[in-house]
Amino acid sequence: MSMMKIFNVAGSAVSAQSQRLNTVATNLANADTVAGPDGQSFKARQVMFQTVAMGEQGAAGVKVSQVIEDQTPGRKVHDPKHPQADADGYVTYSNVNAVEEMVNMMAASRSYQNNVEVMNTAKTLLLKTLQMGSGS
């Protein structure tokens, strides 16, 4: 595999994990939102990845194939005094699980950092190779 393909593979992962982190941030920002006037609450979103071939040598990167909404129902809390309560006195909150989102955020962040480190290592190796050719 050429050194430049390393940047392509790691770059694809950095881009995909960046989108995953943005999705997690959106989910966490809406964790305690309630259903609007239409009765629909915010649905947590999950990023789905897909392998992408990068050249004929078996190198593979990753891309975001789709962002799907979690269809589990939102949690209902009995609070008849809440302005968004339904006729039975229940308020529907989003289906975001903050603990799961934090775990997802840590995994995405670590993957992002690992791929940045791969690119930094490849850059260092390229620079050392160039220095060898200059005789210094």
N, C-alpha and C. Protein backbone atom coordinates (compact mmCIF):
# COMPACT_ATOMS: atom_id res chain seq x y z
N MET A 1 0.86 -1.18 0.00
CA MET A 1 0.00 0.00 0.00
C MET A 1 0.91 1.24 0.00
N SER A 2 0.60 2.17 -0.87
CA SER A 2 1.39 3.38 -0.91
C SER A 2 1.09 4.23 0.32
N MET A 3 2.03 5.08 0.65
CA MET A 3 1.86 5.93 1.83
C MET A 3 0.67 6.88 1.67
N MET A 4 0.40 7.30 0.45
CA MET A 4 -0.71 8.23 0.25
C MET A 4 -2.06 7.55 0.50
N LYS A 5 -2.15 6.25 0.24
CA LYS A 5 -3.40 5.54 0.52
C LYS A 5 -3.68 5.50 2.02
N ILE A 6 -2.62 5.50 2.82
CA ILE A 6 -2.79 5.52 4.28
C ILE A 6 -3.57 6.77 4.68
N PHE A 7 -3.22 7.89 4.07
CA PHE A 7 -3.94 9.13 4.37
C PHE A 7 -5.40 9.05 3.91
N ASN A 8 -5.64 8.40 2.78
CA ASN A 8 -7.02 8.26 2.28
C ASN A 8 -7.86 7.39 3.22
N VAL A 9 -7.29 6.27 3.65
CA VAL A 9 -8.02 5.34 4.53
C VAL A 9 -8.28 5.99 5.88
N ALA A 10 -7.24 6.53 6.49
CA ALA A 10 -7.40 7.16 7.81
C ALA A 10 -8.28 8.41 7.70
N GLY A 11 -8.16 9.14 6.60
CA GLY A 11 -8.99 10.33 6.40
C GLY A 11 -10.46 9.99 6.29
N SER A 12 -10.76 8.87 5.64
CA SER A 12 -12.17 8.46 5.52
C SER A 12 -12.73 8.13 6.90
N ALA A 13 -11.91 7.52 7.75
CA ALA A 13 -12.37 7.18 9.11
C ALA A 13 -12.55 8.44 9.95
N VAL A 14 -11.64 9.39 9.81
CA VAL A 14 -11.76 10.65 10.55
C VAL A 14 -13.04 11.37 10.16
N SER A 15 -13.32 11.40 8.87
CA SER A 15 -14.55 12.05 8.38
C SER A 15 -15.80 11.35 8.91
N ALA A 16 -15.81 10.02 8.86
CA ALA A 16 -16.97 9.26 9.34
C ALA A 16 -17.17 9.44 10.84
N GLN A 17 -16.08 9.39 11.61
CA GLN A 17 -16.20 9.54 13.06
C GLN A 17 -16.59 10.96 13.44
N SER A 18 -16.18 11.92 12.63
CA SER A 18 -16.59 13.31 12.87
C SER A 18 -18.11 13.44 12.73
N GLN A 19 -18.66 12.80 11.71
CA GLN A 19 -20.11 12.85 11.54
C GLN A 19 -20.81 12.11 12.68
N ARG A 20 -20.21 11.02 13.14
CA ARG A 20 -20.77 10.29 14.28
C ARG A 20 -20.78 11.16 15.53
N LEU A 21 -19.68 11.90 15.77
CA LEU A 21 -19.62 12.80 16.92
C LEU A 21 -20.66 13.90 16.83
N ASN A 22 -20.88 14.43 15.64
CA ASN A 22 -21.91 15.47 15.46
C ASN A 22 -23.30 14.92 15.75
N THR A 23 -23.55 13.69 15.34
CA THR A 23 -24.84 13.06 15.60
C THR A 23 -25.04 12.83 17.09
N VAL A 24 -24.00 12.39 17.78
CA VAL A 24 -24.09 12.20 19.23
C VAL A 24 -24.37 13.54 19.91
N ALA A 25 -23.71 14.60 19.45
CA ALA A 25 -23.93 15.92 20.05
C ALA A 25 -25.38 16.36 19.86
N THR A 26 -25.94 16.11 18.70
CA THR A 26 -27.34 16.43 18.45
C THR A 26 -28.26 15.64 19.37
N ASN A 27 -27.97 14.35 19.52
CA ASN A 27 -28.78 13.51 20.40
C ASN A 27 -28.71 14.01 21.84
N LEU A 28 -27.51 14.31 22.32
CA LEU A 28 -27.38 14.78 23.70
C LEU A 28 -28.05 16.13 23.91
N ALA A 29 -27.99 16.98 22.90
CA ALA A 29 -28.63 18.30 23.02
C ALA A 29 -30.14 18.17 23.13
N ASN A 30 -30.70 17.09 22.60
CA ASN A 30 -32.15 16.90 22.61
C ASN A 30 -32.60 15.83 23.60
N ALA A 31 -31.73 15.45 24.52
CA ALA A 31 -32.04 14.36 25.45
C ALA A 31 -33.25 14.65 26.32
N ASP A 32 -33.44 15.88 26.72
CA ASP A 32 -34.55 16.21 27.63
C ASP A 32 -35.64 17.04 26.97
N THR A 33 -35.72 16.96 25.66
CA THR A 33 -36.79 17.70 24.98
C THR A 33 -38.09 16.93 25.08
N VAL A 34 -39.19 17.66 25.02
CA VAL A 34 -40.51 17.04 25.10
C VAL A 34 -41.17 17.10 23.72
N ALA A 35 -42.22 16.33 23.59
CA ALA A 35 -42.96 16.29 22.33
C ALA A 35 -43.56 17.65 22.03
N GLY A 36 -43.56 18.00 20.77
CA GLY A 36 -44.13 19.27 20.35
C GLY A 36 -45.64 19.21 20.23
N PRO A 37 -46.24 20.23 19.67
CA PRO A 37 -47.70 20.27 19.54
C PRO A 37 -48.26 19.13 18.69
N ASP A 38 -47.42 18.58 17.81
CA ASP A 38 -47.87 17.47 16.96
C ASP A 38 -47.83 16.13 17.69
N GLY A 39 -47.32 16.13 18.93
CA GLY A 39 -47.25 14.89 19.72
C GLY A 39 -46.02 14.07 19.43
N GLN A 40 -45.17 14.52 18.52
CA GLN A 40 -43.96 13.77 18.17
C GLN A 40 -42.77 14.30 18.95
N SER A 41 -42.03 13.39 19.55
CA SER A 41 -40.82 13.79 20.28
C SER A 41 -39.59 13.53 19.42
N PHE A 42 -38.48 14.11 19.82
CA PHE A 42 -37.22 13.91 19.10
C PHE A 42 -36.85 12.45 19.15
N LYS A 43 -36.39 11.91 18.03
CA LYS A 43 -35.93 10.52 17.94
C LYS A 43 -34.41 10.52 17.85
N ALA A 44 -33.78 9.71 18.68
CA ALA A 44 -32.32 9.58 18.64
C ALA A 44 -31.90 9.09 17.27
N ARG A 45 -30.75 9.57 16.82
CA ARG A 45 -30.23 9.17 15.50
C ARG A 45 -28.95 8.36 15.69
N GLN A 46 -28.76 7.40 14.82
CA GLN A 46 -27.57 6.56 14.84
C GLN A 46 -26.93 6.56 13.45
N VAL A 47 -25.61 6.62 13.42
CA VAL A 47 -24.86 6.63 12.17
C VAL A 47 -24.52 5.20 11.78
N MET A 48 -24.78 4.86 10.52
CA MET A 48 -24.45 3.53 9.99
C MET A 48 -23.27 3.68 9.04
N PHE A 49 -22.25 2.84 9.22
CA PHE A 49 -21.05 2.89 8.40
C PHE A 49 -21.09 1.82 7.31
N GLN A 50 -20.31 2.07 6.25
CA GLN A 50 -20.18 1.12 5.16
C GLN A 50 -18.72 1.09 4.72
N THR A 51 -18.20 -0.08 4.44
CA THR A 51 -16.84 -0.22 3.96
C THR A 51 -16.75 0.27 2.52
N VAL A 52 -15.67 0.96 2.20
CA VAL A 52 -15.44 1.48 0.86
C VAL A 52 -14.08 0.99 0.38
N ALA A 53 -14.06 0.31 -0.78
CA ALA A 53 -12.80 -0.14 -1.36
C ALA A 53 -11.99 1.07 -1.82
N MET A 54 -10.70 1.03 -1.55
CA MET A 54 -9.81 2.13 -1.94
C MET A 54 -8.64 1.57 -2.71
N GLY A 55 -8.84 1.30 -3.97
CA GLY A 55 -7.76 0.78 -4.81
C GLY A 55 -7.84 -0.72 -4.95
N GLU A 56 -6.92 -1.23 -5.75
CA GLU A 56 -6.94 -2.66 -6.07
C GLU A 56 -6.15 -3.52 -5.09
N GLN A 57 -5.47 -2.93 -4.14
CA GLN A 57 -4.61 -3.69 -3.25
C GLN A 57 -5.30 -4.15 -1.97
N GLY A 58 -6.60 -4.07 -1.92
CA GLY A 58 -7.33 -4.52 -0.74
C GLY A 58 -7.49 -3.48 0.34
N ALA A 59 -7.06 -2.26 0.09
CA ALA A 59 -7.24 -1.20 1.08
C ALA A 59 -8.72 -0.85 1.16
N ALA A 60 -9.19 -0.62 2.36
CA ALA A 60 -10.60 -0.27 2.54
C ALA A 60 -10.73 0.86 3.53
N GLY A 61 -11.60 1.78 3.20
CA GLY A 61 -11.92 2.88 4.09
C GLY A 61 -13.34 2.72 4.59
N VAL A 62 -13.89 3.80 5.08
CA VAL A 62 -15.24 3.75 5.63
C VAL A 62 -15.97 5.03 5.23
N LYS A 63 -17.27 4.92 5.10
CA LYS A 63 -18.10 6.10 4.86
C LYS A 63 -19.41 5.92 5.62
N VAL A 64 -20.08 7.03 5.84
CA VAL A 64 -21.39 6.99 6.47
C VAL A 64 -22.40 6.64 5.38
N SER A 65 -23.07 5.50 5.54
CA SER A 65 -24.04 5.09 4.53
C SER A 65 -25.40 5.71 4.78
N GLN A 66 -25.76 5.87 6.05
CA GLN A 66 -27.04 6.48 6.38
C GLN A 66 -27.09 6.86 7.85
N VAL A 67 -27.98 7.75 8.16
CA VAL A 67 -28.26 8.11 9.55
C VAL A 67 -29.71 7.73 9.78
N ILE A 68 -29.93 6.81 10.72
CA ILE A 68 -31.27 6.30 10.96
C ILE A 68 -31.81 6.82 12.29
N GLU A 69 -33.12 6.88 12.38
CA GLU A 69 -33.78 7.28 13.63
C GLU A 69 -34.16 6.04 14.43
N ASP A 70 -33.89 6.09 15.71
CA ASP A 70 -34.28 5.03 16.63
C ASP A 70 -35.79 5.11 16.81
N GLN A 71 -36.48 4.03 16.55
CA GLN A 71 -37.94 4.04 16.59
C GLN A 71 -38.54 3.62 17.94
N THR A 72 -37.70 3.42 18.95
CA THR A 72 -38.26 3.10 20.26
C THR A 72 -39.05 4.30 20.76
N PRO A 73 -40.13 4.05 21.46
CA PRO A 73 -40.94 5.18 21.93
C PRO A 73 -40.22 5.99 23.00
N GLY A 74 -40.54 7.26 23.05
CA GLY A 74 -39.96 8.14 24.06
C GLY A 74 -40.50 7.79 25.43
N ARG A 75 -39.80 8.23 26.45
CA ARG A 75 -40.26 7.93 27.80
C ARG A 75 -41.39 8.88 28.18
N LYS A 76 -42.35 8.34 28.90
CA LYS A 76 -43.50 9.13 29.33
C LYS A 76 -43.41 9.37 30.83
N VAL A 77 -43.65 10.62 31.20
CA VAL A 77 -43.60 11.01 32.61
C VAL A 77 -44.94 11.65 32.95
N HIS A 78 -45.52 11.20 34.06
CA HIS A 78 -46.80 11.77 34.48
C HIS A 78 -46.56 13.11 35.15
N ASP A 79 -47.00 14.17 34.49
CA ASP A 79 -46.84 15.53 35.00
C ASP A 79 -47.99 16.37 34.44
N PRO A 80 -49.18 16.25 35.04
CA PRO A 80 -50.36 16.92 34.48
C PRO A 80 -50.25 18.44 34.44
N LYS A 81 -49.36 19.04 35.22
CA LYS A 81 -49.22 20.50 35.23
C LYS A 81 -48.31 21.02 34.11
N HIS A 82 -47.60 20.11 33.44
CA HIS A 82 -46.69 20.50 32.37
C HIS A 82 -47.49 21.02 31.17
N PRO A 83 -47.08 22.11 30.55
CA PRO A 83 -47.85 22.66 29.43
C PRO A 83 -47.94 21.72 28.22
N GLN A 84 -47.02 20.77 28.10
CA GLN A 84 -47.05 19.83 26.97
C GLN A 84 -47.69 18.49 27.32
N ALA A 85 -48.32 18.40 28.47
CA ALA A 85 -48.94 17.14 28.89
C ALA A 85 -50.12 16.81 27.98
N ASP A 86 -50.30 15.50 27.74
CA ASP A 86 -51.44 15.07 26.92
C ASP A 86 -52.71 15.02 27.78
N ALA A 87 -53.80 14.52 27.23
CA ALA A 87 -55.08 14.50 27.92
C ALA A 87 -55.03 13.65 29.20
N ASP A 88 -54.12 12.66 29.24
CA ASP A 88 -53.99 11.80 30.42
C ASP A 88 -52.97 12.34 31.42
N GLY A 89 -52.36 13.47 31.12
CA GLY A 89 -51.40 14.08 32.04
C GLY A 89 -49.97 13.61 31.85
N TYR A 90 -49.68 12.92 30.74
CA TYR A 90 -48.33 12.43 30.49
C TYR A 90 -47.59 13.34 29.52
N VAL A 91 -46.31 13.52 29.80
CA VAL A 91 -45.42 14.27 28.92
C VAL A 91 -44.48 13.27 28.26
N THR A 92 -44.38 13.33 26.94
CA THR A 92 -43.50 12.42 26.21
C THR A 92 -42.17 13.11 25.94
N TYR A 93 -41.10 12.48 26.44
CA TYR A 93 -39.74 12.99 26.23
C TYR A 93 -39.08 12.22 25.10
N SER A 94 -37.94 12.70 24.65
CA SER A 94 -37.21 12.02 23.57
C SER A 94 -36.76 10.63 24.05
N ASN A 95 -36.40 9.80 23.08
CA ASN A 95 -35.95 8.45 23.40
C ASN A 95 -34.43 8.36 23.53
N VAL A 96 -33.76 9.49 23.71
CA VAL A 96 -32.30 9.52 23.83
C VAL A 96 -31.89 8.97 25.19
N ASN A 97 -30.98 8.01 25.17
CA ASN A 97 -30.40 7.46 26.39
C ASN A 97 -29.03 8.13 26.55
N ALA A 98 -28.91 9.02 27.50
CA ALA A 98 -27.68 9.81 27.67
C ALA A 98 -26.46 8.94 27.97
N VAL A 99 -26.65 7.85 28.71
CA VAL A 99 -25.52 6.97 29.03
C VAL A 99 -25.00 6.30 27.77
N GLU A 100 -25.90 5.77 26.94
CA GLU A 100 -25.50 5.15 25.68
C GLU A 100 -24.81 6.17 24.77
N GLU A 101 -25.31 7.37 24.75
CA GLU A 101 -24.73 8.41 23.90
C GLU A 101 -23.32 8.78 24.37
N MET A 102 -23.10 8.81 25.67
CA MET A 102 -21.76 9.12 26.18
C MET A 102 -20.78 8.01 25.81
N VAL A 103 -21.21 6.76 25.90
CA VAL A 103 -20.35 5.64 25.49
C VAL A 103 -20.06 5.74 24.00
N ASN A 104 -21.08 6.06 23.21
CA ASN A 104 -20.91 6.22 21.77
C ASN A 104 -19.94 7.36 21.47
N MET A 105 -20.04 8.44 22.24
CA MET A 105 -19.16 9.59 22.05
C MET A 105 -17.70 9.22 22.37
N MET A 106 -17.49 8.48 23.44
CA MET A 106 -16.12 8.09 23.80
C MET A 106 -15.52 7.17 22.74
N ALA A 107 -16.31 6.23 22.23
CA ALA A 107 -15.81 5.32 21.20
C ALA A 107 -15.48 6.08 19.92
N ALA A 108 -16.35 6.99 19.52
CA ALA A 108 -16.09 7.78 18.31
C ALA A 108 -14.88 8.67 18.48
N SER A 109 -14.74 9.27 19.65
CA SER A 109 -13.61 10.14 19.92
C SER A 109 -12.29 9.37 19.89
N ARG A 110 -12.27 8.20 20.47
CA ARG A 110 -11.04 7.38 20.46
C ARG A 110 -10.69 6.93 19.05
N SER A 111 -11.68 6.54 18.29
CA SER A 111 -11.43 6.14 16.91
C SER A 111 -10.90 7.31 16.10
N TYR A 112 -11.48 8.47 16.30
CA TYR A 112 -11.02 9.69 15.63
C TYR A 112 -9.55 9.96 15.98
N GLN A 113 -9.24 9.92 17.28
CA GLN A 113 -7.87 10.17 17.73
C GLN A 113 -6.88 9.14 17.17
N ASN A 114 -7.28 7.87 17.14
CA ASN A 114 -6.41 6.83 16.60
C ASN A 114 -6.09 7.07 15.14
N ASN A 115 -7.07 7.47 14.37
CA ASN A 115 -6.84 7.70 12.94
C ASN A 115 -6.02 8.96 12.69
N VAL A 116 -6.17 9.97 13.53
CA VAL A 116 -5.30 11.15 13.44
C VAL A 116 -3.86 10.73 13.75
N GLU A 117 -3.69 9.86 14.72
CA GLU A 117 -2.35 9.37 15.07
C GLU A 117 -1.75 8.56 13.92
N VAL A 118 -2.55 7.78 13.23
CA VAL A 118 -2.07 7.04 12.05
C VAL A 118 -1.55 8.02 11.00
N MET A 119 -2.31 9.09 10.75
CA MET A 119 -1.87 10.08 9.76
C MET A 119 -0.60 10.80 10.22
N ASN A 120 -0.49 11.12 11.49
CA ASN A 120 0.73 11.76 12.00
C ASN A 120 1.94 10.85 11.88
N THR A 121 1.75 9.57 12.17
CA THR A 121 2.85 8.61 12.05
C THR A 121 3.28 8.47 10.59
N ALA A 122 2.33 8.38 9.68
CA ALA A 122 2.66 8.29 8.25
C ALA A 122 3.40 9.54 7.80
N LYS A 123 2.98 10.71 8.27
CA LYS A 123 3.66 11.96 7.91
C LYS A 123 5.10 11.94 8.42
N THR A 124 5.31 11.49 9.64
CA THR A 124 6.65 11.42 10.21
C THR A 124 7.53 10.47 9.40
N LEU A 125 6.97 9.33 9.00
CA LEU A 125 7.74 8.37 8.20
C LEU A 125 8.10 8.95 6.84
N LEU A 126 7.18 9.67 6.23
CA LEU A 126 7.48 10.31 4.95
C LEU A 126 8.58 11.35 5.10
N LEU A 127 8.54 12.14 6.14
CA LEU A 127 9.57 13.15 6.37
C LEU A 127 10.93 12.50 6.61
N LYS A 128 10.96 11.43 7.37
CA LYS A 128 12.23 10.72 7.62
C LYS A 128 12.77 10.12 6.33
N THR A 129 11.88 9.63 5.47
CA THR A 129 12.30 9.08 4.19
C THR A 129 12.92 10.18 3.33
N LEU A 130 12.32 11.36 3.32
CA LEU A 130 12.86 12.48 2.56
C LEU A 130 14.21 12.92 3.11
N GLN A 131 14.35 12.90 4.43
CA GLN A 131 15.62 13.28 5.06
C GLN A 131 16.73 12.30 4.72
N MET A 132 16.39 11.02 4.60
CA MET A 132 17.39 10.02 4.23
C MET A 132 17.93 10.31 2.83
N GLY A 133 17.07 10.74 1.94
CA GLY A 133 17.47 11.03 0.57
C GLY A 133 18.31 12.28 0.45
N SER A 134 18.24 13.18 1.42
CA SER A 134 19.00 14.42 1.34
C SER A 134 20.40 14.28 1.94
N GLY A 135 20.66 13.15 2.59
CA GLY A 135 21.99 12.91 3.13
C GLY A 135 22.23 13.54 4.49
N SER A 136 21.25 14.08 5.15
CA SER A 136 21.48 14.68 6.46
C SER A 136 20.89 13.87 7.57
